[in-house]
């Protein structure tokens, strides 16, 4: 039965389901540390909510609440004491963030916020919400954004740009204040989405740009997706393996590796498998790809991706890439180790909350160990490509510099295609991507050759 429409044109029944999904997904993210999309999928299955409108609205709220979390938490703590927030359940905390987002970012009217809190009493439970009713009232009726006076420069920027203060400080040191601010502000909106044609499944002439509702990029067979004005068949093309949704910089990394048919390739830290299938396509499914993956859960996704994209030459090896569990001499090795994900803060904003200086040190140590272990499996004359979705030099240029000092038989070499920016610290052969310059994930690529 249709009830009254809100000012947004969305039915209350739809919004109620969306709200429940959002709170549940945000709670899963806080409780387990999983990403935005995984949390939404888990919540939708758990709550048996599958309506496209509900999922679309919930996805938007989850992404934006994560994107603005630093700012939202600061606003909330000017209204609710830190101790009370600490005692609140994940569901109540998630509701606080969502209400703060709707009020201070979306500028929703108080009447709509009251309706949302009313629905939350049914979703979370009125007993759980009752101790915080006065706190929500103060938040709803608060006029103006709280002042940031009294904060340090980087703490203030953290509130304004929604990033951790330590990360802002590091960007200012590396890039200077003006460029750092451009990077930080660009993270406040999503980057473009890209697809590549899967040449193992389809000829480039079989799919038109019109079918993708996109525009051709500077890379052949790679397209920038636009918003479709009508129901399109992109989902069908993706599920059939004819196209692969993959970021531009990641596609470039596979092209820089440039494996040839019949070669032996090491694909290190392989899941979810987008780069694996791209390597296989360049090899015409001729040769051998050994894909190393530590996570059994991620390996499940890798196997599905290989089946979907018709990749038949890749073999999965479950194991720690720091101690490669196989003995081969590879013509090409592609290393994409775990990193801070600082280059994907625009696409996956919850990543900002999962990294800190201590975690960064652990990642750098692991990156160096994985690169060293992989280098031992590269044949003379072979190619070693190191890439990360980070823009921090300590995970990129510094890792490569330290590696080259210890391995005199490797040398940096030129890359093709080169559509990004040159590396820092004089490593001009390296390639960098930045969201504010290239409208894709932040990324780093180094190509080395073993003499």
Protein backbone atom coordinates (compact mmCIF):
# COMPACT_ATOMS: atom_id res chain seq x y z
CA UNK A 1 0.00 0.00 0.00
CA UNK A 2 1.42 3.38 -1.02
CA UNK A 3 1.74 5.95 1.75
CA UNK A 4 2.73 9.62 1.68
CA UNK A 5 5.86 10.54 -0.25
CA UNK A 6 8.66 12.42 1.49
CA UNK A 7 10.37 15.47 0.08
CA UNK A 8 12.94 13.18 -1.47
CA UNK A 9 10.33 11.27 -3.44
CA UNK A 10 11.19 7.99 -1.70
CA UNK A 11 8.47 5.96 -0.03
CA UNK A 12 8.73 5.51 3.76
CA UNK A 13 8.51 1.71 3.40
CA UNK A 14 11.51 1.74 1.08
CA UNK A 15 13.47 4.10 3.31
CA UNK A 16 12.76 1.99 6.38
CA UNK A 17 14.28 -1.09 4.74
CA UNK A 18 17.23 0.98 3.51
CA UNK A 19 17.83 2.32 6.99
CA UNK A 20 17.78 -1.15 8.53
CA UNK A 21 20.25 -2.40 5.92
CA UNK A 22 22.55 0.58 6.45
CA UNK A 23 22.66 0.26 10.23
CA UNK A 24 23.27 -3.49 10.04
CA UNK A 25 26.03 -3.14 7.43
CA UNK A 26 27.79 -0.31 9.29
CA UNK A 27 27.62 -2.40 12.45
CA UNK A 28 29.24 -5.36 10.69
CA UNK A 29 31.99 -3.07 9.42
CA UNK A 30 32.70 -1.79 12.93
CA UNK A 31 32.52 -5.26 14.47
CA UNK A 32 34.54 -7.28 11.93
CA UNK A 33 36.49 -4.73 9.88
CA UNK A 34 35.07 -5.92 6.56
CA UNK A 35 34.63 -3.51 3.65
CA UNK A 36 31.57 -1.57 2.58
CA UNK A 37 30.36 -3.87 -0.18
CA UNK A 38 31.00 -7.07 1.77
CA UNK A 39 29.11 -5.64 4.73
CA UNK A 40 26.13 -4.69 2.57
CA UNK A 41 26.04 -8.16 1.01
CA UNK A 42 26.23 -9.81 4.42
CA UNK A 43 23.50 -7.59 5.86
CA UNK A 44 21.18 -8.04 2.88
CA UNK A 45 21.47 -11.82 3.10
CA UNK A 46 21.00 -11.82 6.85
CA UNK A 47 17.93 -9.57 6.69
CA UNK A 48 16.61 -11.08 3.43
CA UNK A 49 16.34 -7.65 1.79
CA UNK A 50 17.04 -7.73 -1.93
CA UNK A 51 15.09 -4.82 -3.44
CA UNK A 52 17.24 -2.83 -5.89
CA UNK A 53 16.05 0.48 -4.46
CA UNK A 54 16.82 -0.55 -0.89
CA UNK A 55 20.29 -1.82 -1.83
CA UNK A 56 21.06 1.30 -3.86
CA UNK A 57 20.05 3.69 -1.07
CA UNK A 58 21.81 1.65 1.61
CA UNK A 59 24.99 1.48 -0.50
CA UNK A 60 25.02 5.26 -0.84
CA UNK A 61 24.55 5.83 2.89
CA UNK A 62 27.21 3.24 3.82
CA UNK A 63 29.77 4.73 1.45
CA UNK A 64 29.11 8.32 2.45
CA UNK A 65 28.98 7.66 6.19
CA UNK A 66 32.38 5.96 5.78
CA UNK A 67 33.73 8.75 3.58
CA UNK A 68 32.83 11.49 6.09
CA UNK A 69 33.44 9.43 9.24
CA UNK A 70 36.19 11.63 10.71
CA UNK A 71 34.03 14.72 10.40
CA UNK A 72 30.86 12.98 11.59
CA UNK A 73 32.57 11.54 14.67
CA UNK A 74 33.92 14.96 15.56
CA UNK A 75 30.45 16.52 15.30
CA UNK A 76 28.89 13.72 17.37
CA UNK A 77 31.48 14.08 20.14
CA UNK A 78 30.57 17.75 20.48
CA UNK A 79 27.06 16.57 21.38
CA UNK A 80 27.56 13.19 23.08
CA UNK A 81 30.29 12.45 25.60
CA UNK A 82 33.10 10.12 24.60
CA UNK A 83 32.24 7.71 27.42
CA UNK A 84 28.60 7.47 26.35
CA UNK A 85 29.61 6.77 22.75
CA UNK A 86 32.05 4.13 23.95
CA UNK A 87 29.24 2.38 25.83
CA UNK A 88 26.83 2.55 22.88
CA UNK A 89 26.20 -0.53 20.73
CA UNK A 90 27.45 -0.70 17.14
CA UNK A 91 23.88 -0.13 15.97
CA UNK A 92 23.42 3.04 18.01
CA UNK A 93 26.82 4.41 16.92
CA UNK A 94 25.95 3.67 13.30
CA UNK A 95 22.68 5.54 13.68
CA UNK A 96 24.47 8.55 15.17
CA UNK A 97 26.79 8.68 12.16
CA UNK A 98 23.96 8.30 9.68
CA UNK A 99 21.85 11.03 11.32
CA UNK A 100 24.89 13.35 11.47
CA UNK A 101 25.58 12.69 7.78
CA UNK A 102 22.00 13.42 6.78
CA UNK A 103 21.89 16.63 8.83
CA UNK A 104 25.33 18.16 8.27
CA UNK A 105 26.26 16.83 4.81
CA UNK A 106 22.92 16.26 3.06
CA UNK A 107 21.17 19.11 4.97
CA UNK A 108 17.99 17.08 5.47
CA UNK A 109 15.13 18.80 7.33
CA UNK A 110 14.54 17.97 10.99
CA UNK A 111 11.19 16.36 10.15
CA UNK A 112 12.93 13.75 8.02
CA UNK A 113 15.58 13.13 10.66
CA UNK A 114 12.85 12.59 13.25
CA UNK A 115 11.25 10.05 10.94
CA UNK A 116 14.58 8.22 10.57
CA UNK A 117 15.08 8.06 14.35
CA UNK A 118 11.52 6.78 14.66
CA UNK A 119 12.21 3.96 12.21
CA UNK A 120 15.43 3.19 14.08
CA UNK A 121 13.43 2.46 17.23
CA UNK A 122 11.92 -0.45 15.32
CA UNK A 123 15.22 -1.51 13.73
CA UNK A 124 17.51 -1.29 16.76
CA UNK A 125 14.88 -1.64 19.45
CA UNK A 126 13.40 1.14 21.60
CA UNK A 127 14.98 -0.20 24.79
CA UNK A 128 18.47 0.01 23.29
CA UNK A 129 17.83 3.47 21.87
CA UNK A 130 15.99 4.96 24.84
CA UNK A 131 19.09 6.00 26.90
CA UNK A 132 20.25 8.10 23.92
CA UNK A 133 16.98 9.84 23.02
CA UNK A 134 18.08 13.19 24.51
CA UNK A 135 21.46 12.93 22.73
CA UNK A 136 19.72 12.40 19.39
CA UNK A 137 17.42 15.33 20.11
CA UNK A 138 20.42 17.63 20.76
CA UNK A 139 22.04 16.43 17.53
CA UNK A 140 18.87 16.89 15.48
CA UNK A 141 18.18 20.41 16.75
CA UNK A 142 21.76 21.61 16.83
CA UNK A 143 22.27 24.74 14.73
CA UNK A 144 25.46 25.07 12.74
CA UNK A 145 28.58 22.92 12.56
CA UNK A 146 30.72 22.83 15.73
CA UNK A 147 33.81 25.01 15.73
CA UNK A 148 37.24 23.41 15.30
CA UNK A 149 38.96 26.09 17.35
CA UNK A 150 41.50 24.59 19.73
CA UNK A 151 42.52 21.79 17.39
CA UNK A 152 46.01 21.53 15.92
CA UNK A 153 46.48 22.32 12.23
CA UNK A 154 46.43 18.67 11.20
CA UNK A 155 43.55 17.76 13.52
CA UNK A 156 41.52 20.59 12.00
CA UNK A 157 42.35 19.41 8.49
CA UNK A 158 41.39 15.91 9.61
CA UNK A 159 37.90 17.14 10.45
CA UNK A 160 37.59 19.26 7.31
CA UNK A 161 38.90 16.64 4.85
CA UNK A 162 37.80 13.50 6.75
CA UNK A 163 41.23 11.86 6.99
CA UNK A 164 43.46 10.76 9.92
CA UNK A 165 45.76 13.54 11.14
CA UNK A 166 48.91 11.36 10.82
CA UNK A 167 48.12 10.71 7.14
CA UNK A 168 47.54 14.39 6.41
CA UNK A 169 50.84 15.28 8.05
CA UNK A 170 52.62 12.72 5.89
CA UNK A 171 51.05 13.99 2.65
CA UNK A 172 52.03 17.57 3.47
CA UNK A 173 55.64 16.50 4.05
CA UNK A 174 55.79 14.50 0.79
CA UNK A 175 53.74 16.64 -1.61
CA UNK A 176 53.51 20.07 0.01
CA UNK A 177 50.37 21.60 1.47
CA UNK A 178 48.67 22.65 -1.80
CA UNK A 179 48.98 19.28 -3.54
CA UNK A 180 48.17 17.42 -0.32
CA UNK A 181 44.90 19.36 -0.02
CA UNK A 182 44.00 18.50 -3.62
CA UNK A 183 44.56 14.80 -2.88
CA UNK A 184 42.56 14.95 0.35
CA UNK A 185 39.63 16.85 -1.15
CA UNK A 186 39.47 14.52 -4.15
CA UNK A 187 38.94 11.60 -1.78
CA UNK A 188 35.59 13.14 -0.80
CA UNK A 189 33.92 11.92 -4.00
CA UNK A 190 34.19 8.62 -5.93
CA UNK A 191 36.57 8.15 -8.85
CA UNK A 192 35.55 6.87 -12.28
CA UNK A 193 34.81 3.20 -12.94
CA UNK A 194 36.54 1.35 -15.76
CA UNK A 195 36.07 -1.91 -17.64
CA UNK A 196 38.27 -3.78 -20.06
CA UNK A 197 37.12 -6.17 -22.75
CA UNK A 198 38.08 -9.74 -21.93
CA UNK A 199 39.75 -10.94 -25.11
CA UNK A 200 39.55 -14.55 -23.90
CA UNK A 201 35.77 -14.32 -24.24
CA UNK A 202 35.03 -11.72 -26.86
CA UNK A 203 36.52 -9.93 -29.85
CA UNK A 204 36.81 -6.15 -29.51
CA UNK A 205 34.38 -5.69 -32.40
CA UNK A 206 31.69 -7.75 -30.67
CA UNK A 207 30.89 -5.10 -28.06
CA UNK A 208 30.18 -1.48 -28.86
CA UNK A 209 30.80 1.53 -26.66
CA UNK A 210 27.05 2.14 -26.76
CA UNK A 211 26.46 -1.23 -25.09
CA UNK A 212 28.68 -0.14 -22.20
CA UNK A 213 27.26 3.38 -21.96
CA UNK A 214 30.80 4.58 -21.54
CA UNK A 215 33.60 6.35 -23.36
CA UNK A 216 36.85 4.97 -24.71
CA UNK A 217 39.91 5.64 -22.55
CA UNK A 218 43.47 6.28 -23.71
CA UNK A 219 44.11 2.51 -23.46
CA UNK A 220 42.74 0.24 -26.23
CA UNK A 221 39.77 -1.92 -25.17
CA UNK A 222 39.41 -0.03 -21.88
CA UNK A 223 36.34 2.12 -21.22
CA UNK A 224 35.26 4.70 -18.67
CA UNK A 225 31.78 3.82 -17.49
CA UNK A 226 29.11 6.48 -17.44
CA UNK A 227 25.73 6.44 -15.76
CA UNK A 228 23.25 4.59 -17.94
CA UNK A 229 20.10 6.51 -18.72
CA UNK A 230 18.15 3.30 -19.15
CA UNK A 231 18.41 -0.34 -18.17
CA UNK A 232 21.63 -1.62 -19.74
CA UNK A 233 23.32 -4.98 -20.19
CA UNK A 234 26.59 -4.23 -18.41
CA UNK A 235 25.73 -6.61 -15.58
CA UNK A 236 25.05 -9.37 -18.10
CA UNK A 237 28.32 -8.68 -19.93
CA UNK A 238 30.23 -8.75 -16.62
CA UNK A 239 28.59 -11.95 -15.33
CA UNK A 240 29.33 -13.69 -18.62
CA UNK A 241 32.99 -12.67 -18.44
CA UNK A 242 32.94 -10.59 -21.61
CA UNK A 243 33.99 -7.49 -19.68
CA UNK A 244 36.00 -7.15 -16.47
CA UNK A 245 35.42 -4.29 -14.06
CA UNK A 246 38.94 -3.18 -13.15
CA UNK A 247 40.56 0.14 -12.30
CA UNK A 248 42.59 1.87 -14.99
CA UNK A 249 45.87 1.82 -13.03
CA UNK A 250 45.54 -1.89 -12.32
CA UNK A 251 44.97 -2.54 -16.03
CA UNK A 252 48.07 -0.53 -16.87
CA UNK A 253 50.12 -2.65 -14.42
CA UNK A 254 49.16 -5.80 -16.34
CA UNK A 255 50.05 -4.18 -19.66
CA UNK A 256 53.41 -3.02 -18.28
CA UNK A 257 54.16 -6.63 -17.25
CA UNK A 258 53.43 -7.62 -20.88
CA UNK A 259 53.66 -11.42 -20.64
CA UNK A 260 53.92 -13.30 -23.93
CA UNK A 261 52.26 -16.58 -25.02
CA UNK A 262 54.12 -19.62 -23.75
CA UNK A 263 55.92 -17.85 -20.90
CA UNK A 264 56.02 -18.74 -17.21
CA UNK A 265 54.43 -16.03 -15.06
CA UNK A 266 54.33 -15.51 -11.30
CA UNK A 267 51.21 -13.68 -10.11
CA UNK A 268 51.94 -12.83 -6.47
CA UNK A 269 49.12 -11.88 -4.05
CA UNK A 270 46.72 -12.77 -6.84
CA UNK A 271 43.16 -12.57 -5.50
CA UNK A 272 40.57 -11.52 -6.51
CA UNK A 273 42.02 -12.36 -9.93
CA UNK A 274 41.39 -9.37 -12.21
CA UNK A 275 45.08 -9.05 -13.03
CA UNK A 276 45.43 -12.83 -13.41
CA UNK A 277 42.81 -12.98 -16.15
CA UNK A 278 44.37 -9.94 -17.81
CA UNK A 279 47.77 -11.64 -17.90
CA UNK A 280 46.16 -14.77 -19.38
CA UNK A 281 44.40 -12.72 -22.05
CA UNK A 282 47.70 -11.17 -23.14
CA UNK A 283 49.14 -14.70 -23.32
CA UNK A 284 46.19 -16.02 -25.37
CA UNK A 285 45.78 -18.70 -22.69
CA UNK A 286 49.15 -20.19 -23.69
CA UNK A 287 51.83 -20.78 -21.06
CA UNK A 288 51.68 -21.06 -17.28
CA UNK A 289 50.60 -18.62 -14.59
CA UNK A 290 51.28 -19.52 -10.97
CA UNK A 291 49.04 -17.41 -8.73
CA UNK A 292 50.12 -17.10 -5.10
CA UNK A 293 47.46 -16.26 -2.51
CA UNK A 294 47.56 -16.50 1.28
CA UNK A 295 43.83 -16.20 2.03
CA UNK A 296 41.64 -19.26 1.45
CA UNK A 297 38.57 -17.01 1.46
CA UNK A 298 39.99 -14.74 -1.23
CA UNK A 299 41.08 -17.82 -3.15
CA UNK A 300 37.40 -18.76 -3.54
CA UNK A 301 36.80 -15.46 -5.34
CA UNK A 302 39.90 -16.03 -7.47
CA UNK A 303 38.61 -19.42 -8.66
CA UNK A 304 35.23 -17.95 -9.57
CA UNK A 305 36.95 -15.19 -11.51
CA UNK A 306 39.05 -17.66 -13.47
CA UNK A 307 35.95 -19.63 -14.42
CA UNK A 308 33.98 -16.50 -15.32
CA UNK A 309 36.74 -15.10 -17.53
CA UNK A 310 37.68 -18.44 -19.16
CA UNK A 311 41.25 -18.30 -17.87
CA UNK A 312 42.62 -21.84 -18.24
CA UNK A 313 46.39 -21.45 -17.69
CA UNK A 314 46.44 -20.19 -14.10
CA UNK A 315 47.18 -22.50 -11.17
CA UNK A 316 46.46 -21.37 -7.62
CA UNK A 317 49.12 -21.90 -4.95
CA UNK A 318 47.91 -21.24 -1.41
CA UNK A 319 50.78 -19.98 0.70
CA UNK A 320 52.74 -17.09 2.17
CA UNK A 321 54.32 -14.97 -0.58
CA UNK A 322 57.15 -14.02 1.79
CA UNK A 323 58.28 -17.65 1.49
CA UNK A 324 57.18 -18.69 -1.97
CA UNK A 325 56.02 -22.31 -1.77
CA UNK A 326 57.17 -23.28 -5.29
CA UNK A 327 60.39 -23.42 -7.29
CA UNK A 328 60.10 -22.03 -10.81
CA UNK A 329 62.06 -19.60 -12.92
CA UNK A 330 59.60 -17.05 -14.22
CA UNK A 331 59.88 -14.92 -17.32
CA UNK A 332 57.52 -12.39 -15.75
CA UNK A 333 56.58 -11.77 -12.11
CA UNK A 334 53.86 -9.37 -11.02
CA UNK A 335 53.86 -8.43 -7.31
CA UNK A 336 50.86 -6.61 -5.85
CA UNK A 337 51.36 -6.95 -2.05
CA UNK A 338 49.01 -5.86 0.73
CA UNK A 339 49.35 -2.12 1.31
CA UNK A 340 47.80 0.83 3.12
CA UNK A 341 45.23 1.27 0.31
CA UNK A 342 45.83 5.02 0.53
CA UNK A 343 45.23 5.21 -3.21
CA UNK A 344 41.69 3.86 -2.90
CA UNK A 345 40.35 6.09 -0.13
CA UNK A 346 38.05 7.71 -2.71
CA UNK A 347 36.65 4.35 -3.84
CA UNK A 348 36.72 2.49 -0.52
CA UNK A 349 36.59 5.20 2.17
CA UNK A 350 36.41 2.79 5.11
CA UNK A 351 40.04 1.90 4.35
CA UNK A 352 41.06 5.17 6.03
CA UNK A 353 40.15 3.71 9.42
CA UNK A 354 42.08 0.46 8.96
CA UNK A 355 45.60 1.84 8.71
CA UNK A 356 47.80 3.69 11.20
CA UNK A 357 51.55 4.31 11.51
CA UNK A 358 52.16 1.01 13.32
CA UNK A 359 50.22 -0.96 10.69
CA UNK A 360 52.06 0.91 7.94
CA UNK A 361 55.43 -0.26 9.31
CA UNK A 362 54.20 -3.86 9.27
CA UNK A 363 53.05 -3.51 5.66
CA UNK A 364 56.36 -2.01 4.51
CA UNK A 365 58.28 -4.89 6.08
CA UNK A 366 55.99 -7.42 4.41
CA UNK A 367 56.20 -5.66 1.03
CA UNK A 368 59.99 -5.80 1.07
CA UNK A 369 60.00 -9.48 2.07
CA UNK A 370 57.52 -10.41 -0.69
CA UNK A 371 59.49 -8.49 -3.31
CA UNK A 372 62.75 -10.18 -2.24
CA UNK A 373 61.20 -13.66 -2.26
CA UNK A 374 59.68 -13.12 -5.70
CA UNK A 375 62.94 -11.80 -7.16
CA UNK A 376 64.60 -15.13 -6.38
CA UNK A 377 62.15 -16.82 -8.77
CA UNK A 378 62.78 -14.49 -11.74
CA UNK A 379 64.85 -15.94 -14.58
CA UNK A 380 67.82 -14.08 -16.09
CA UNK A 381 66.50 -11.53 -18.55
CA UNK A 382 63.11 -11.70 -16.87
CA UNK A 383 60.75 -8.91 -15.80
CA UNK A 384 59.67 -8.06 -12.25
CA UNK A 385 56.77 -5.62 -11.80
CA UNK A 386 56.05 -4.22 -8.34
CA UNK A 387 52.82 -2.30 -7.81
CA UNK A 388 50.63 -1.05 -4.97
CA UNK A 389 47.39 0.92 -4.63
CA UNK A 390 49.19 3.33 -2.29
CA UNK A 391 50.48 6.85 -2.92
CA UNK A 392 52.89 6.85 0.02
CA UNK A 393 56.57 6.74 -1.05
CA UNK A 394 57.58 4.51 1.87
CA UNK A 395 55.51 1.70 0.31
CA UNK A 396 56.71 2.45 -3.21
CA UNK A 397 59.90 4.29 -4.17
CA UNK A 398 61.61 3.55 -0.87
CA UNK A 399 60.81 -0.18 -1.10
CA UNK A 400 62.21 -0.24 -4.65
CA UNK A 401 65.31 1.78 -3.72
CA UNK A 402 66.13 -0.54 -0.83
CA UNK A 403 65.53 -3.58 -3.04
CA UNK A 404 67.88 -2.27 -5.77
CA UNK A 405 70.64 -1.61 -3.24
CA UNK A 406 70.49 -5.28 -2.18
CA UNK A 407 69.99 -6.72 -5.68
CA UNK A 408 72.49 -5.25 -8.12
CA UNK A 409 71.35 -7.63 -10.88
CA UNK A 410 68.01 -5.82 -11.18
CA UNK A 411 67.58 -2.47 -12.92
CA UNK A 412 64.62 -0.16 -13.40
CA UNK A 413 63.40 -0.06 -16.97
CA UNK A 414 60.96 2.02 -18.99
CA UNK A 415 57.26 1.25 -19.04
CA UNK A 416 54.68 1.08 -21.79
CA UNK A 417 52.02 2.29 -21.73
CA UNK A 418 52.95 5.31 -19.63
CA UNK A 419 49.82 7.36 -18.97
CA UNK A 420 50.42 8.34 -15.33
CA UNK A 421 52.95 10.62 -13.64
CA UNK A 422 56.64 10.00 -13.05
CA UNK A 423 57.81 8.45 -9.80
CA UNK A 424 59.19 10.47 -6.90
CA UNK A 425 62.78 10.66 -5.61
CA UNK A 426 64.18 10.75 -9.14
CA UNK A 427 62.73 7.35 -10.12
CA UNK A 428 61.34 8.71 -13.39
CA UNK A 429 60.98 5.23 -14.90
CA UNK A 430 58.32 4.46 -12.29
CA UNK A 431 54.71 5.37 -12.89
CA UNK A 432 52.27 6.94 -10.44
CA UNK A 433 48.53 7.57 -10.57
CA UNK A 434 46.60 10.04 -8.45
CA UNK A 435 42.80 10.35 -8.11
CA UNK A 436 42.92 14.15 -8.44
CA UNK A 437 44.95 13.96 -11.67
CA UNK A 438 43.85 10.75 -13.37
CA UNK A 439 40.35 10.10 -11.94
CA UNK A 440 41.28 6.54 -11.00
CA UNK A 441 42.77 4.81 -7.96
CA UNK A 442 46.04 6.14 -6.61
CA UNK A 443 48.68 3.63 -7.71
CA UNK A 444 52.39 2.97 -8.16
CA UNK A 445 54.14 0.77 -10.75
CA UNK A 446 57.84 -0.11 -10.97
CA UNK A 447 59.20 -2.32 -13.74
CA UNK A 448 62.56 -4.01 -13.19
CA UNK A 449 64.63 -6.24 -15.43
CA UNK A 450 67.02 -8.91 -14.22
CA UNK A 451 70.37 -8.83 -16.06
